[in-house]
Amino acid sequence: RNWRNQEKLIQVQQDQNIKGFTILELLVVITIVAIVSAVGYPNFMKWREDREIRAAMESAATMLSSINNLSQRGNFPFVQLKITPNGTTNTTITSKGMNVKTLSTRLNSGSVIDCSLTNSGYWDNHLVDKTTKDVSTHINAEGSVCFSQDGTHYKTLGKLNSNVNVTVEGRITNQYLIICSTSNASGSGKCPTNQADGLKQPAYLVEWTRFGNISKFKWSGSG
């Protein structure tokens, strides 16, 4: 009987030691969580924005590399990358190719080989379409750049044909695409090219040459 009484006493003591949270303790925990969230949320949104813009830059660079590889291999000796801004909501990047037969026919007939912005009747293949939300470029209307196997038919058209010169790693170039957030482009519908014009981070720049060499940079307005 003594053993049972001791067991009951121990159980009562254990039950008394089990306590819930007081209202004050809950308020303290909620306050701490709120403070941590308030501090961390802007950083998270900035990281997310940077990731989206960087992903758009990588897509553009990959598409440029892909069409140049197709051109060098002879699959499509004349290729195009086309940029289509859709207001301040998103941007569509499209790649197209002209096959050997079509290019030969046009050359033999004396037709001009240009970097046509038309969607049909000129290009043989629509290769890739990529629409990126919440991402803008430094042009607010269609522009295109075209490459050929030996660089002979390299051309730009539309807004990409009127690129202003920028300095990248100490050299001057007008063969580039700047990518930024739509919020940074909200005033003019296009990314500023430098900080003096209002360029904000994050922003990226893709550079190319007429022979299809592609370079990528985190862009601050000068390099």
C-alpha atoms as a PDB file:
ATOM      1  CA  ARG A   1       0.000   0.000   0.000  1.00  0.00           C
ATOM      2  CA  ASN A   2       2.856   2.416   0.784  1.00  0.00           C
ATOM      3  CA  TRP A   3       4.330   1.692  -2.646  1.00  0.00           C
ATOM      4  CA  ARG A   4       1.033   2.581  -4.324  1.00  0.00           C
ATOM      5  CA  ASN A   5       0.770   5.802  -2.307  1.00  0.00           C
ATOM      6  CA  GLN A   6       4.278   6.802  -3.361  1.00  0.00           C
ATOM      7  CA  GLU A   7       3.442   6.061  -7.003  1.00  0.00           C
ATOM      8  CA  LYS A   8       0.334   8.279  -6.807  1.00  0.00           C
ATOM      9  CA  LEU A   9       2.362  11.050  -5.158  1.00  0.00           C
ATOM     10  CA  ILE A  10       4.970  10.927  -7.940  1.00  0.00           C
ATOM     11  CA  GLN A  11       2.227  11.069 -10.601  1.00  0.00           C
ATOM     12  CA  VAL A  12       0.643  14.097  -8.939  1.00  0.00           C
ATOM     13  CA  GLN A  13       4.028  15.844  -8.853  1.00  0.00           C
ATOM     14  CA  GLN A  14       4.609  15.087 -12.550  1.00  0.00           C
ATOM     15  CA  ASP A  15       1.170  16.422 -13.430  1.00  0.00           C
ATOM     16  CA  GLN A  16       1.903  19.596 -11.502  1.00  0.00           C
ATOM     17  CA  ASN A  17       5.180  20.064 -13.422  1.00  0.00           C
ATOM     18  CA  ILE A  18       3.400  20.005 -16.791  1.00  0.00           C
ATOM     19  CA  LYS A  19       2.621  23.607 -17.657  1.00  0.00           C
ATOM     20  CA  GLY A  20       1.255  25.316 -20.765  1.00  0.00           C
ATOM     21  CA  PHE A  21       2.396  28.596 -22.285  1.00  0.00           C
ATOM     22  CA  THR A  22       1.140  31.709 -20.604  1.00  0.00           C
ATOM     23  CA  ILE A  23      -0.394  34.501 -22.695  1.00  0.00           C
ATOM     24  CA  LEU A  24       2.703  36.619 -22.058  1.00  0.00           C
ATOM     25  CA  GLU A  25       4.997  33.873 -23.338  1.00  0.00           C
ATOM     26  CA  LEU A  26       2.870  33.467 -26.476  1.00  0.00           C
ATOM     27  CA  LEU A  27       2.966  37.202 -27.099  1.00  0.00           C
ATOM     28  CA  VAL A  28       6.758  37.204 -26.760  1.00  0.00           C
ATOM     29  CA  VAL A  29       7.089  34.339 -29.264  1.00  0.00           C
ATOM     30  CA  ILE A  30       4.703  36.023 -31.734  1.00  0.00           C
ATOM     31  CA  THR A  31       6.615  39.300 -31.424  1.00  0.00           C
ATOM     32  CA  ILE A  32       9.952  37.598 -32.092  1.00  0.00           C
ATOM     33  CA  VAL A  33       8.549  35.797 -35.159  1.00  0.00           C
ATOM     34  CA  ALA A  34       7.099  39.076 -36.462  1.00  0.00           C
ATOM     35  CA  ILE A  35      10.431  40.882 -36.045  1.00  0.00           C
ATOM     36  CA  VAL A  36      12.398  38.116 -37.778  1.00  0.00           C
ATOM     37  CA  SER A  37       9.866  38.045 -40.644  1.00  0.00           C
ATOM     38  CA  ALA A  38       9.969  41.818 -41.040  1.00  0.00           C
ATOM     39  CA  VAL A  39      13.759  41.785 -41.225  1.00  0.00           C
ATOM     40  CA  GLY A  40      14.015  38.759 -43.505  1.00  0.00           C
ATOM     41  CA  TYR A  41      11.162  39.421 -45.959  1.00  0.00           C
ATOM     42  CA  PRO A  42      12.801  42.290 -47.904  1.00  0.00           C
ATOM     43  CA  ASN A  43      15.989  40.254 -48.274  1.00  0.00           C
ATOM     44  CA  PHE A  44      14.000  37.263 -49.489  1.00  0.00           C
ATOM     45  CA  MET A  45      12.130  39.383 -52.064  1.00  0.00           C
ATOM     46  CA  LYS A  46      15.396  40.922 -53.273  1.00  0.00           C
ATOM     47  CA  TRP A  47      16.928  37.453 -53.631  1.00  0.00           C
ATOM     48  CA  ARG A  48      13.846  36.233 -55.514  1.00  0.00           C
ATOM     49  CA  GLU A  49      13.932  39.232 -57.869  1.00  0.00           C
ATOM     50  CA  ASP A  50      17.632  38.694 -58.571  1.00  0.00           C
ATOM     51  CA  ARG A  51      17.029  35.004 -59.272  1.00  0.00           C
ATOM     52  CA  GLU A  52      14.248  35.772 -61.775  1.00  0.00           C
ATOM     53  CA  ILE A  53      16.299  38.357 -63.647  1.00  0.00           C
ATOM     54  CA  ARG A  54      19.389  36.157 -63.658  1.00  0.00           C
ATOM     55  CA  ALA A  55      17.306  33.249 -64.987  1.00  0.00           C
ATOM     56  CA  ALA A  56      16.026  35.461 -67.827  1.00  0.00           C
ATOM     57  CA  MET A  57      19.594  36.468 -68.638  1.00  0.00           C
ATOM     58  CA  GLU A  58      20.702  32.831 -68.648  1.00  0.00           C
ATOM     59  CA  SER A  59      17.804  31.943 -70.977  1.00  0.00           C
ATOM     60  CA  ALA A  60      18.780  34.689 -73.427  1.00  0.00           C
ATOM     61  CA  ALA A  61      22.452  33.661 -73.331  1.00  0.00           C
ATOM     62  CA  THR A  62      21.556  29.977 -73.794  1.00  0.00           C
ATOM     63  CA  MET A  63      19.314  30.752 -76.759  1.00  0.00           C
ATOM     64  CA  LEU A  64      22.055  32.856 -78.351  1.00  0.00           C
ATOM     65  CA  SER A  65      24.563  30.040 -77.893  1.00  0.00           C
ATOM     66  CA  SER A  66      22.110  27.448 -79.237  1.00  0.00           C
ATOM     67  CA  ILE A  67      21.263  29.285 -82.452  1.00  0.00           C
ATOM     68  CA  ASN A  68      24.949  29.974 -83.083  1.00  0.00           C
ATOM     69  CA  ASN A  69      25.748  26.283 -82.625  1.00  0.00           C
ATOM     70  CA  LEU A  70      23.000  25.418 -85.124  1.00  0.00           C
ATOM     71  CA  SER A  71      24.450  27.958 -87.538  1.00  0.00           C
ATOM     72  CA  GLN A  72      28.032  26.680 -87.186  1.00  0.00           C
ATOM     73  CA  ARG A  73      26.906  23.083 -87.711  1.00  0.00           C
ATOM     74  CA  GLY A  74      24.994  24.094 -90.820  1.00  0.00           C
ATOM     75  CA  ASN A  75      21.566  23.046 -89.548  1.00  0.00           C
ATOM     76  CA  PHE A  76      20.356  26.594 -90.026  1.00  0.00           C
ATOM     77  CA  PRO A  77      23.063  28.760 -91.636  1.00  0.00           C
ATOM     78  CA  PHE A  78      21.108  31.933 -90.853  1.00  0.00           C
ATOM     79  CA  VAL A  79      19.517  32.375 -87.400  1.00  0.00           C
ATOM     80  CA  GLN A  80      17.804  35.044 -85.353  1.00  0.00           C
ATOM     81  CA  LEU A  81      17.142  36.023 -81.753  1.00  0.00           C
ATOM     82  CA  LYS A  82      14.140  38.333 -81.428  1.00  0.00           C
ATOM     83  CA  ILE A  83      13.164  40.357 -78.352  1.00  0.00           C
ATOM     84  CA  THR A  84       9.510  41.350 -77.927  1.00  0.00           C
ATOM     85  CA  PRO A  85       8.700  43.559 -74.912  1.00  0.00           C
ATOM     86  CA  ASN A  86       5.100  43.188 -73.730  1.00  0.00           C
ATOM     87  CA  GLY A  87       4.564  46.508 -71.989  1.00  0.00           C
ATOM     88  CA  THR A  88       5.878  46.404 -68.443  1.00  0.00           C
ATOM     89  CA  THR A  89       4.567  42.914 -67.665  1.00  0.00           C
ATOM     90  CA  ASN A  90       6.890  40.492 -69.421  1.00  0.00           C
ATOM     91  CA  THR A  91       9.281  39.959 -72.307  1.00  0.00           C
ATOM     92  CA  THR A  92       9.225  37.267 -74.988  1.00  0.00           C
ATOM     93  CA  ILE A  93      12.458  35.964 -76.475  1.00  0.00           C
ATOM     94  CA  THR A  94      12.152  33.981 -79.717  1.00  0.00           C
ATOM     95  CA  SER A  95      14.724  32.144 -81.811  1.00  0.00           C
ATOM     96  CA  LYS A  96      14.264  31.300 -85.515  1.00  0.00           C
ATOM     97  CA  GLY A  97      16.236  29.620 -88.262  1.00  0.00           C
ATOM     98  CA  MET A  98      16.515  29.690 -92.062  1.00  0.00           C
ATOM     99  CA  ASN A  99      17.529  26.411 -93.695  1.00  0.00           C
ATOM    100  CA  VAL A 100      20.236  25.938 -96.329  1.00  0.00           C
ATOM    101  CA  LYS A 101      17.825  25.651 -99.266  1.00  0.00           C
ATOM    102  CA  THR A 102      15.937  28.846 -98.446  1.00  0.00           C
ATOM    103  CA  LEU A 103      19.134  30.806 -97.837  1.00  0.00           C
ATOM    104  CA  SER A 104      20.665  29.556-101.132  1.00  0.00           C
ATOM    105  CA  THR A 105      17.503  30.392-103.066  1.00  0.00           C
ATOM    106  CA  ARG A 106      17.419  33.912-101.661  1.00  0.00           C
ATOM    107  CA  LEU A 107      21.100  34.493-102.339  1.00  0.00           C
ATOM    108  CA  ASN A 108      20.872  33.130-105.908  1.00  0.00           C
ATOM    109  CA  SER A 109      17.843  35.294-106.665  1.00  0.00           C
ATOM    110  CA  GLY A 110      19.566  38.402-105.383  1.00  0.00           C
ATOM    111  CA  SER A 111      17.117  38.840-102.495  1.00  0.00           C
ATOM    112  CA  VAL A 112      18.260  40.862 -99.518  1.00  0.00           C
ATOM    113  CA  ILE A 113      19.151  38.756 -96.497  1.00  0.00           C
ATOM    114  CA  ASP A 114      17.997  40.769 -93.536  1.00  0.00           C
ATOM    115  CA  CYS A 115      17.078  40.154 -89.910  1.00  0.00           C
ATOM    116  CA  SER A 116      13.340  40.317 -90.605  1.00  0.00           C
ATOM    117  CA  LEU A 117      11.031  40.776 -87.624  1.00  0.00           C
ATOM    118  CA  THR A 118       8.165  39.071 -89.456  1.00  0.00           C
ATOM    119  CA  ASN A 119       6.673  36.007 -87.763  1.00  0.00           C
ATOM    120  CA  SER A 120       5.942  33.988 -90.903  1.00  0.00           C
ATOM    121  CA  GLY A 121       6.812  33.753 -94.584  1.00  0.00           C
ATOM    122  CA  TYR A 122      10.504  34.423 -94.066  1.00  0.00           C
ATOM    123  CA  TRP A 123      11.894  32.046 -91.463  1.00  0.00           C
ATOM    124  CA  ASP A 124      11.637  28.271 -91.924  1.00  0.00           C
ATOM    125  CA  ASN A 125      11.600  27.268 -88.268  1.00  0.00           C
ATOM    126  CA  HIS A 126      10.384  28.770 -85.027  1.00  0.00           C
ATOM    127  CA  LEU A 127      12.945  27.212 -82.684  1.00  0.00           C
ATOM    128  CA  VAL A 128      12.229  28.405 -79.131  1.00  0.00           C
ATOM    129  CA  ASP A 129       9.782  30.821 -77.480  1.00  0.00           C
ATOM    130  CA  LYS A 130      10.471  31.966 -73.934  1.00  0.00           C
ATOM    131  CA  THR A 131       8.285  34.466 -72.047  1.00  0.00           C
ATOM    132  CA  THR A 132       9.664  35.836 -68.806  1.00  0.00           C
ATOM    133  CA  LYS A 133       7.300  37.509 -66.336  1.00  0.00           C
ATOM    134  CA  ASP A 134       8.249  40.585 -64.329  1.00  0.00           C
ATOM    135  CA  VAL A 135      11.368  41.054 -66.477  1.00  0.00           C
ATOM    136  CA  SER A 136      12.162  43.898 -68.889  1.00  0.00           C
ATOM    137  CA  THR A 137      15.012  44.726 -71.261  1.00  0.00           C
ATOM    138  CA  HIS A 138      16.624  47.981 -72.344  1.00  0.00           C
ATOM    139  CA  ILE A 139      14.392  48.157 -75.443  1.00  0.00           C
ATOM    140  CA  ASN A 140      10.665  48.959 -75.372  1.00  0.00           C
ATOM    141  CA  ALA A 141       9.826  47.701 -78.874  1.00  0.00           C
ATOM    142  CA  GLU A 142      10.832  44.711 -81.005  1.00  0.00           C
ATOM    143  CA  GLY A 143      14.462  44.168 -81.861  1.00  0.00           C
ATOM    144  CA  SER A 144      16.453  41.309 -83.359  1.00  0.00           C
ATOM    145  CA  VAL A 145      19.981  40.111 -83.958  1.00  0.00           C
ATOM    146  CA  CYS A 146      20.944  37.579 -86.662  1.00  0.00           C
ATOM    147  CA  PHE A 147      24.013  35.404 -87.130  1.00  0.00           C
ATOM    148  CA  SER A 148      25.456  33.323 -89.970  1.00  0.00           C
ATOM    149  CA  GLN A 149      28.209  30.707 -90.175  1.00  0.00           C
ATOM    150  CA  ASP A 150      31.044  33.058 -91.072  1.00  0.00           C
ATOM    151  CA  GLY A 151      29.595  36.322 -89.809  1.00  0.00           C
ATOM    152  CA  THR A 152      28.868  37.537 -93.361  1.00  0.00           C
ATOM    153  CA  HIS A 153      25.163  38.077 -92.758  1.00  0.00           C
ATOM    154  CA  TYR A 154      25.396  39.365 -89.195  1.00  0.00           C
ATOM    155  CA  LYS A 155      22.748  42.046 -88.699  1.00  0.00           C
ATOM    156  CA  THR A 156      20.637  43.789 -86.103  1.00  0.00           C
ATOM    157  CA  LEU A 157      17.184  45.231 -86.685  1.00  0.00           C
ATOM    158  CA  GLY A 158      14.582  47.248 -84.823  1.00  0.00           C
ATOM    159  CA  LYS A 159      15.500  48.610 -81.419  1.00  0.00           C
ATOM    160  CA  LEU A 160      18.622  46.419 -81.162  1.00  0.00           C
ATOM    161  CA  ASN A 161      19.932  48.261 -84.218  1.00  0.00           C
ATOM    162  CA  SER A 162      19.959  51.516 -82.266  1.00  0.00           C
ATOM    163  CA  ASN A 163      21.850  50.353 -79.176  1.00  0.00           C
ATOM    164  CA  VAL A 164      23.863  53.115 -77.569  1.00  0.00           C
ATOM    165  CA  ASN A 165      27.485  52.309 -76.812  1.00  0.00           C
ATOM    166  CA  VAL A 166      28.317  51.035 -73.338  1.00  0.00           C
ATOM    167  CA  THR A 167      31.652  50.164 -71.793  1.00  0.00           C
ATOM    168  CA  VAL A 168      32.091  46.513 -70.790  1.00  0.00           C
ATOM    169  CA  GLU A 169      35.367  45.491 -69.160  1.00  0.00           C
ATOM    170  CA  GLY A 170      37.106  48.536 -70.623  1.00  0.00           C
ATOM    171  CA  ARG A 171      35.875  48.111 -74.204  1.00  0.00           C
ATOM    172  CA  ILE A 172      33.065  49.900 -76.008  1.00  0.00           C
ATOM    173  CA  THR A 173      30.271  47.782 -77.480  1.00  0.00           C
ATOM    174  CA  ASN A 174      26.752  48.165 -78.891  1.00  0.00           C
ATOM    175  CA  GLN A 175      26.092  44.431 -79.175  1.00  0.00           C
ATOM    176  CA  TYR A 176      24.247  43.651 -75.967  1.00  0.00           C
ATOM    177  CA  LEU A 177      20.972  43.078 -74.159  1.00  0.00           C
ATOM    178  CA  ILE A 178      20.341  44.526 -70.678  1.00  0.00           C
ATOM    179  CA  ILE A 179      17.804  42.769 -68.445  1.00  0.00           C
ATOM    180  CA  CYS A 180      16.230  44.261 -65.316  1.00  0.00           C
ATOM    181  CA  SER A 181      13.002  44.125 -63.284  1.00  0.00           C
ATOM    182  CA  THR A 182       9.768  45.539 -64.686  1.00  0.00           C
ATOM    183  CA  SER A 183       9.630  47.872 -61.677  1.00  0.00           C
ATOM    184  CA  ASN A 184      12.955  49.406 -62.732  1.00  0.00           C
ATOM    185  CA  ALA A 185      11.562  49.862 -66.265  1.00  0.00           C
ATOM    186  CA  SER A 186       8.122  51.109 -65.213  1.00  0.00           C
ATOM    187  CA  GLY A 187       8.716  54.745 -66.182  1.00  0.00           C
ATOM    188  CA  SER A 188       9.942  54.345 -69.764  1.00  0.00           C
ATOM    189  CA  GLY A 189       9.053  50.701 -70.348  1.00  0.00           C
ATOM    190  CA  LYS A 190      12.724  49.804 -70.708  1.00  0.00           C
ATOM    191  CA  CYS A 191      15.748  49.229 -68.480  1.00  0.00           C
ATOM    192  CA  PRO A 192      18.026  52.238 -68.035  1.00  0.00           C
ATOM    193  CA  THR A 193      21.509  51.521 -69.379  1.00  0.00           C
ATOM    194  CA  ASN A 194      23.364  53.185 -66.511  1.00  0.00           C
ATOM    195  CA  GLN A 195      22.937  54.452 -62.950  1.00  0.00           C
ATOM    196  CA  ALA A 196      22.724  58.088 -64.069  1.00  0.00           C
ATOM    197  CA  ASP A 197      19.557  57.179 -65.991  1.00  0.00           C
ATOM    198  CA  GLY A 198      18.105  55.264 -63.026  1.00  0.00           C
ATOM    199  CA  LEU A 199      19.456  51.722 -63.406  1.00  0.00           C
ATOM    200  CA  LYS A 200      19.003  49.733 -60.190  1.00  0.00           C
ATOM    201  CA  GLN A 201      20.246  46.358 -59.052  1.00  0.00           C
ATOM    202  CA  PRO A 202      19.676  43.600 -59.858  1.00  0.00           C
ATOM    203  CA  ALA A 203      20.438  43.938 -63.576  1.00  0.00           C
ATOM    204  CA  TYR A 204      22.357  41.762 -66.035  1.00  0.00           C
ATOM    205  CA  LEU A 205      23.909  42.221 -69.465  1.00  0.00           C
ATOM    206  CA  VAL A 206      24.424  39.673 -72.243  1.00  0.00           C
ATOM    207  CA  GLU A 207      27.039  40.616 -74.830  1.00  0.00           C
ATOM    208  CA  TRP A 208      27.709  38.949 -78.194  1.00  0.00           C
ATOM    209  CA  THR A 209      29.982  39.343 -81.199  1.00  0.00           C
ATOM    210  CA  ARG A 210      29.116  38.931 -84.882  1.00  0.00           C
ATOM    211  CA  PHE A 211      30.786  35.491 -84.712  1.00  0.00           C
ATOM    212  CA  GLY A 212      28.547  34.300 -81.875  1.00  0.00           C
ATOM    213  CA  ASN A 213      30.806  34.659 -78.836  1.00  0.00           C
ATOM    214  CA  ILE A 214      28.559  35.151 -75.804  1.00  0.00           C
ATOM    215  CA  SER A 215      29.483  36.826 -72.495  1.00  0.00           C
ATOM    216  CA  LYS A 216      27.374  37.440 -69.362  1.00  0.00           C
ATOM    217  CA  PHE A 217      27.755  40.157 -66.745  1.00  0.00           C
ATOM    218  CA  LYS A 218      26.080  41.422 -63.601  1.00  0.00           C
ATOM    219  CA  TRP A 219      25.454  44.973 -64.761  1.00  0.00           C
ATOM    220  CA  SER A 220      25.839  48.123 -62.697  1.00  0.00           C
ATOM    221  CA  GLY A 221      25.862  50.585 -65.589  1.00  0.00           C
ATOM    222  CA  SER A 222      29.532  50.381 -66.512  1.00  0.00           C
ATOM    223  CA  GLY A 223      32.169  47.736 -66.627  1.00  0.00           C
END
